[in-house]
PDB file of N, CA and C in Angstrom:
ATOM      1  N   MET A   1      -0.990  38.740 -21.228  1.00  0.00           N
ATOM      2  CA  MET A   1      -2.104  37.868 -20.910  1.00  0.00           C
ATOM      3  C   MET A   1      -2.522  38.143 -19.465  1.00  0.00           C
ATOM      4  N   ASN A   2      -3.777  38.472 -19.283  1.00  0.00           N
ATOM      5  CA  ASN A   2      -4.215  38.784 -17.925  1.00  0.00           C
ATOM      6  C   ASN A   2      -4.418  37.508 -17.107  1.00  0.00           C
ATOM      7  N   SER A   3      -4.599  37.676 -15.814  1.00  0.00           N
ATOM      8  CA  SER A   3      -4.648  36.520 -14.919  1.00  0.00           C
ATOM      9  C   SER A   3      -5.904  35.674 -15.135  1.00  0.00           C
ATOM     10  N   GLN A   4      -7.006  36.297 -15.554  1.00  0.00           N
ATOM     11  CA  GLN A   4      -8.234  35.522 -15.777  1.00  0.00           C
ATOM     12  C   GLN A   4      -8.054  34.558 -16.958  1.00  0.00           C
ATOM     13  N   ARG A   5      -7.428  35.024 -18.030  1.00  0.00           N
ATOM     14  CA  ARG A   5      -7.191  34.141 -19.173  1.00  0.00           C
ATOM     15  C   ARG A   5      -6.196  33.041 -18.826  1.00  0.00           C
ATOM     16  N   LEU A   6      -5.181  33.393 -18.064  1.00  0.00           N
ATOM     17  CA  LEU A   6      -4.189  32.407 -17.664  1.00  0.00           C
ATOM     18  C   LEU A   6      -4.810  31.330 -16.767  1.00  0.00           C
ATOM     19  N   THR A   7      -5.676  31.761 -15.850  1.00  0.00           N
ATOM     20  CA  THR A   7      -6.363  30.810 -14.979  1.00  0.00           C
ATOM     21  C   THR A   7      -7.280  29.903 -15.789  1.00  0.00           C
ATOM     22  N   THR A   8      -7.994  30.472 -16.749  1.00  0.00           N
ATOM     23  CA  THR A   8      -8.880  29.679 -17.606  1.00  0.00           C
ATOM     24  C   THR A   8      -8.083  28.655 -18.393  1.00  0.00           C
ATOM     25  N   LEU A   9      -6.947  29.059 -18.933  1.00  0.00           N
ATOM     26  CA  LEU A   9      -6.103  28.149 -19.694  1.00  0.00           C
ATOM     27  C   LEU A   9      -5.560  27.027 -18.809  1.00  0.00           C
ATOM     28  N   LEU A  10      -5.142  27.368 -17.616  1.00  0.00           N
ATOM     29  CA  LEU A  10      -4.603  26.371 -16.695  1.00  0.00           C
ATOM     30  C   LEU A  10      -5.667  25.361 -16.284  1.00  0.00           C
ATOM     31  N   VAL A  11      -6.858  25.838 -15.963  1.00  0.00           N
ATOM     32  CA  VAL A  11      -7.953  24.938 -15.590  1.00  0.00           C
ATOM     33  C   VAL A  11      -8.333  24.042 -16.772  1.00  0.00           C
ATOM     34  N   ALA A  12      -8.349  24.602 -17.982  1.00  0.00           N
ATOM     35  CA  ALA A  12      -8.666  23.802 -19.168  1.00  0.00           C
ATOM     36  C   ALA A  12      -7.618  22.722 -19.400  1.00  0.00           C
ATOM     37  N   LEU A  13      -6.358  23.043 -19.209  1.00  0.00           N
ATOM     38  CA  LEU A  13      -5.301  22.049 -19.393  1.00  0.00           C
ATOM     39  C   LEU A  13      -5.375  20.938 -18.350  1.00  0.00           C
ATOM     40  N   ILE A  14      -5.626  21.300 -17.112  1.00  0.00           N
ATOM     41  CA  ILE A  14      -5.720  20.296 -16.046  1.00  0.00           C
ATOM     42  C   ILE A  14      -6.948  19.413 -16.253  1.00  0.00           C
ATOM     43  N   THR A  15      -8.086  20.037 -16.559  1.00  0.00           N
ATOM     44  CA  THR A  15      -9.319  19.272 -16.771  1.00  0.00           C
ATOM     45  C   THR A  15      -9.193  18.359 -17.981  1.00  0.00           C
ATOM     46  N   GLY A  16      -8.728  18.919 -19.078  1.00  0.00           N
ATOM     47  CA  GLY A  16      -8.609  18.129 -20.305  1.00  0.00           C
ATOM     48  C   GLY A  16      -7.634  16.984 -20.187  1.00  0.00           C
ATOM     49  N   SER A  17      -6.505  17.214 -19.535  1.00  0.00           N
ATOM     50  CA  SER A  17      -5.518  16.142 -19.422  1.00  0.00           C
ATOM     51  C   SER A  17      -5.982  15.037 -18.483  1.00  0.00           C
ATOM     52  N   SER A  18      -6.677  15.390 -17.408  1.00  0.00           N
ATOM     53  CA  SER A  18      -7.159  14.344 -16.503  1.00  0.00           C
ATOM     54  C   SER A  18      -8.265  13.520 -17.154  1.00  0.00           C
ATOM     55  N   VAL A  19      -9.135  14.165 -17.915  1.00  0.00           N
ATOM     56  CA  VAL A  19     -10.187  13.427 -18.627  1.00  0.00           C
ATOM     57  C   VAL A  19      -9.567  12.530 -19.699  1.00  0.00           C
ATOM     58  N   ALA A  20      -8.575  13.036 -20.424  1.00  0.00           N
ATOM     59  CA  ALA A  20      -7.922  12.236 -21.463  1.00  0.00           C
ATOM     60  C   ALA A  20      -7.216  11.025 -20.869  1.00  0.00           C
ATOM     61  N   LEU A  21      -6.608  11.185 -19.718  1.00  0.00           N
ATOM     62  CA  LEU A  21      -5.951  10.059 -19.071  1.00  0.00           C
ATOM     63  C   LEU A  21      -6.975   8.999 -18.653  1.00  0.00           C
ATOM     64  N   GLY A  22      -8.084   9.446 -18.094  1.00  0.00           N
ATOM     65  CA  GLY A  22      -9.145   8.510 -17.719  1.00  0.00           C
ATOM     66  C   GLY A  22      -9.727   7.790 -18.925  1.00  0.00           C
ATOM     67  N   GLN A  23      -9.933   8.497 -20.022  1.00  0.00           N
ATOM     68  CA  GLN A  23     -10.460   7.875 -21.229  1.00  0.00           C
ATOM     69  C   GLN A  23      -9.469   6.862 -21.802  1.00  0.00           C
ATOM     70  N   THR A  24      -8.184   7.198 -21.753  1.00  0.00           N
ATOM     71  CA  THR A  24      -7.172   6.273 -22.256  1.00  0.00           C
ATOM     72  C   THR A  24      -7.103   5.014 -21.399  1.00  0.00           C
ATOM     73  N   LEU A  25      -7.223   5.175 -20.084  1.00  0.00           N
ATOM     74  CA  LEU A  25      -7.238   3.998 -19.213  1.00  0.00           C
ATOM     75  C   LEU A  25      -8.455   3.119 -19.479  1.00  0.00           C
ATOM     76  N   LEU A  26      -9.602   3.740 -19.709  1.00  0.00           N
ATOM     77  CA  LEU A  26     -10.809   2.979 -20.029  1.00  0.00           C
ATOM     78  C   LEU A  26     -10.648   2.252 -21.363  1.00  0.00           C
ATOM     79  N   LEU A  27     -10.102   2.950 -22.362  1.00  0.00           N
ATOM     80  CA  LEU A  27      -9.886   2.310 -23.656  1.00  0.00           C
ATOM     81  C   LEU A  27      -8.863   1.182 -23.566  1.00  0.00           C
ATOM     82  N   SER A  28      -7.853   1.329 -22.718  1.00  0.00           N
ATOM     83  CA  SER A  28      -6.852   0.267 -22.584  1.00  0.00           C
ATOM     84  C   SER A  28      -7.464  -0.975 -21.930  1.00  0.00           C
ATOM     85  N   TRP A  29      -8.464  -0.782 -21.109  1.00  0.00           N
ATOM     86  CA  TRP A  29      -9.159  -1.919 -20.507  1.00  0.00           C
ATOM     87  C   TRP A  29     -10.076  -2.583 -21.534  1.00  0.00           C
ATOM     88  N   LEU A  30     -10.730  -1.764 -22.390  1.00  0.00           N
ATOM     89  CA  LEU A  30     -11.662  -2.314 -23.379  1.00  0.00           C
ATOM     90  C   LEU A  30     -10.954  -2.893 -24.601  1.00  0.00           C
ATOM     91  N   PHE A  31      -9.900  -2.209 -25.079  1.00  0.00           N
ATOM     92  CA  PHE A  31      -9.196  -2.608 -26.297  1.00  0.00           C
ATOM     93  C   PHE A  31      -7.685  -2.652 -26.043  1.00  0.00           C
ATOM     94  N   PRO A  32      -7.203  -3.651 -25.334  1.00  0.00           N
ATOM     95  CA  PRO A  32      -5.787  -3.650 -24.947  1.00  0.00           C
ATOM     96  C   PRO A  32      -4.818  -3.747 -26.124  1.00  0.00           C
ATOM     97  N   LYS A  33      -5.163  -4.489 -27.186  1.00  0.00           N
ATOM     98  CA  LYS A  33      -4.238  -4.629 -28.322  1.00  0.00           C
ATOM     99  C   LYS A  33      -4.133  -3.327 -29.109  1.00  0.00           C
ATOM    100  N   THR A  34      -5.242  -2.631 -29.268  1.00  0.00           N
ATOM    101  CA  THR A  34      -5.221  -1.365 -29.997  1.00  0.00           C
ATOM    102  C   THR A  34      -4.415  -0.315 -29.246  1.00  0.00           C
ATOM    103  N   ILE A  35      -4.589  -0.238 -27.954  1.00  0.00           N
ATOM    104  CA  ILE A  35      -3.852   0.730 -27.146  1.00  0.00           C
ATOM    105  C   ILE A  35      -2.366   0.407 -27.137  1.00  0.00           C
ATOM    106  N   ALA A  36      -2.023  -0.890 -27.168  1.00  0.00           N
ATOM    107  CA  ALA A  36      -0.612  -1.268 -27.181  1.00  0.00           C
ATOM    108  C   ALA A  36       0.084  -0.760 -28.440  1.00  0.00           C
ATOM    109  N   VAL A  37      -0.632  -0.698 -29.552  1.00  0.00           N
ATOM    110  CA  VAL A  37      -0.028  -0.252 -30.810  1.00  0.00           C
ATOM    111  C   VAL A  37      -0.130   1.255 -30.980  1.00  0.00           C
ATOM    112  N   TYR A  38      -1.303   1.815 -30.730  1.00  0.00           N
ATOM    113  CA  TYR A  38      -1.555   3.229 -31.017  1.00  0.00           C
ATOM    114  C   TYR A  38      -1.767   4.072 -29.768  1.00  0.00           C
ATOM    115  N   GLY A  39      -1.335   3.599 -28.614  1.00  0.00           N
ATOM    116  CA  GLY A  39      -1.641   4.256 -27.347  1.00  0.00           C
ATOM    117  C   GLY A  39      -1.215   5.705 -27.248  1.00  0.00           C
ATOM    118  N   LEU A  40       0.018   5.999 -27.669  1.00  0.00           N
ATOM    119  CA  LEU A  40       0.514   7.373 -27.570  1.00  0.00           C
ATOM    120  C   LEU A  40      -0.270   8.316 -28.469  1.00  0.00           C
ATOM    121  N   TRP A  41      -0.581   7.871 -29.687  1.00  0.00           N
ATOM    122  CA  TRP A  41      -1.334   8.719 -30.616  1.00  0.00           C
ATOM    123  C   TRP A  41      -2.754   8.943 -30.130  1.00  0.00           C
ATOM    124  N   ILE A  42      -3.349   7.904 -29.552  1.00  0.00           N
ATOM    125  CA  ILE A  42      -4.703   8.048 -29.005  1.00  0.00           C
ATOM    126  C   ILE A  42      -4.688   9.013 -27.824  1.00  0.00           C
ATOM    127  N   LEU A  43      -3.698   8.884 -26.950  1.00  0.00           N
ATOM    128  CA  LEU A  43      -3.591   9.786 -25.802  1.00  0.00           C
ATOM    129  C   LEU A  43      -3.391  11.226 -26.251  1.00  0.00           C
ATOM    130  N   LEU A  44      -2.525  11.447 -27.233  1.00  0.00           N
ATOM    131  CA  LEU A  44      -2.301  12.812 -27.725  1.00  0.00           C
ATOM    132  C   LEU A  44      -3.558  13.391 -28.371  1.00  0.00           C
ATOM    133  N   GLY A  45      -4.276  12.568 -29.134  1.00  0.00           N
ATOM    134  CA  GLY A  45      -5.515  13.030 -29.744  1.00  0.00           C
ATOM    135  C   GLY A  45      -6.564  13.385 -28.709  1.00  0.00           C
ATOM    136  N   LEU A  46      -6.682  12.550 -27.689  1.00  0.00           N
ATOM    137  CA  LEU A  46      -7.640  12.839 -26.622  1.00  0.00           C
ATOM    138  C   LEU A  46      -7.238  14.076 -25.831  1.00  0.00           C
ATOM    139  N   LEU A  47      -5.936  14.277 -25.638  1.00  0.00           N
ATOM    140  CA  LEU A  47      -5.475  15.490 -24.950  1.00  0.00           C
ATOM    141  C   LEU A  47      -5.876  16.742 -25.716  1.00  0.00           C
ATOM    142  N   VAL A  48      -5.652  16.727 -27.023  1.00  0.00           N
ATOM    143  CA  VAL A  48      -6.000  17.895 -27.841  1.00  0.00           C
ATOM    144  C   VAL A  48      -7.503  18.143 -27.814  1.00  0.00           C
ATOM    145  N   LEU A  49      -8.284  17.090 -28.007  1.00  0.00           N
ATOM    146  CA  LEU A  49      -9.744  17.252 -28.022  1.00  0.00           C
ATOM    147  C   LEU A  49     -10.287  17.718 -26.672  1.00  0.00           C
ATOM    148  N   ASN A  50      -9.830  17.103 -25.598  1.00  0.00           N
ATOM    149  CA  ASN A  50     -10.375  17.444 -24.281  1.00  0.00           C
ATOM    150  C   ASN A  50      -9.904  18.801 -23.785  1.00  0.00           C
ATOM    151  N   CYS A  51      -8.637  19.134 -23.998  1.00  0.00           N
ATOM    152  CA  CYS A  51      -8.151  20.458 -23.580  1.00  0.00           C
ATOM    153  C   CYS A  51      -8.810  21.557 -24.400  1.00  0.00           C
ATOM    154  N   GLY A  52      -8.969  21.322 -25.694  1.00  0.00           N
ATOM    155  CA  GLY A  52      -9.653  22.300 -26.530  1.00  0.00           C
ATOM    156  C   GLY A  52     -11.108  22.463 -26.145  1.00  0.00           C
ATOM    157  N   GLY A  53     -11.773  21.350 -25.888  1.00  0.00           N
ATOM    158  CA  GLY A  53     -13.175  21.408 -25.463  1.00  0.00           C
ATOM    159  C   GLY A  53     -13.341  22.109 -24.129  1.00  0.00           C
ATOM    160  N   ALA A  54     -12.453  21.802 -23.194  1.00  0.00           N
ATOM    161  CA  ALA A  54     -12.528  22.456 -21.887  1.00  0.00           C
ATOM    162  C   ALA A  54     -12.250  23.950 -22.007  1.00  0.00           C
ATOM    163  N   ALA A  55     -11.315  24.322 -22.864  1.00  0.00           N
ATOM    164  CA  ALA A  55     -11.011  25.744 -23.056  1.00  0.00           C
ATOM    165  C   ALA A  55     -12.208  26.482 -23.653  1.00  0.00           C
ATOM    166  N   ILE A  56     -12.878  25.869 -24.611  1.00  0.00           N
ATOM    167  CA  ILE A  56     -14.044  26.503 -25.231  1.00  0.00           C
ATOM    168  C   ILE A  56     -15.170  26.659 -24.220  1.00  0.00           C
ATOM    169  N   VAL A  57     -15.443  25.604 -23.457  1.00  0.00           N
ATOM    170  CA  VAL A  57     -16.508  25.667 -22.449  1.00  0.00           C
ATOM    171  C   VAL A  57     -16.194  26.737 -21.405  1.00  0.00           C
ATOM    172  N   LEU A  58     -14.966  26.756 -20.913  1.00  0.00           N
ATOM    173  CA  LEU A  58     -14.604  27.750 -19.899  1.00  0.00           C
ATOM    174  C   LEU A  58     -14.635  29.169 -20.460  1.00  0.00           C
ATOM    175  N   PHE A  59     -14.251  29.325 -21.718  1.00  0.00           N
ATOM    176  CA  PHE A  59     -14.277  30.648 -22.339  1.00  0.00           C
ATOM    177  C   PHE A  59     -15.703  31.193 -22.376  1.00  0.00           C
ATOM    178  N   PHE A  60     -16.648  30.377 -22.841  1.00  0.00           N
ATOM    179  CA  PHE A  60     -18.022  30.850 -22.920  1.00  0.00           C
ATOM    180  C   PHE A  60     -18.670  30.964 -21.546  1.00  0.00           C
ATOM    181  N   TRP A  61     -18.241  30.152 -20.598  1.00  0.00           N
ATOM    182  CA  TRP A  61     -18.770  30.228 -19.237  1.00  0.00           C
ATOM    183  C   TRP A  61     -18.313  31.510 -18.559  1.00  0.00           C
ATOM    184  N   ARG A  62     -17.104  31.961 -18.849  1.00  0.00           N
ATOM    185  CA  ARG A  62     -16.568  33.185 -18.233  1.00  0.00           C
ATOM    186  C   ARG A  62     -17.175  34.455 -18.835  1.00  0.00           C
ATOM    187  N   ILE A  63     -17.714  34.362 -20.032  1.00  0.00           N
ATOM    188  CA  ILE A  63     -18.275  35.554 -20.676  1.00  0.00           C
ATOM    189  C   ILE A  63     -19.514  36.033 -19.932  1.00  0.00           C
ATOM    190  N   GLU A  64     -20.321  35.091 -19.450  1.00  0.00           N
ATOM    191  CA  GLU A  64     -21.582  35.482 -18.801  1.00  0.00           C
ATOM    192  C   GLU A  64     -21.393  36.116 -17.456  1.00  0.00           C
TER     193      GLU A  64
END
């Protein structure tokens, strides 16, 4: 794996995880009972969606 791909992956992971944490905090403020029951699953789902989305955006941004 070359350094450009590794850097893209690292930036996608950092961006996606920070956005997912912020979204989870916002959801915990809006829906505290739901987050208390399903918080870990919601956080994991948001991590997958945001890291994947960030990776796709960065991949296409690096092509140009």
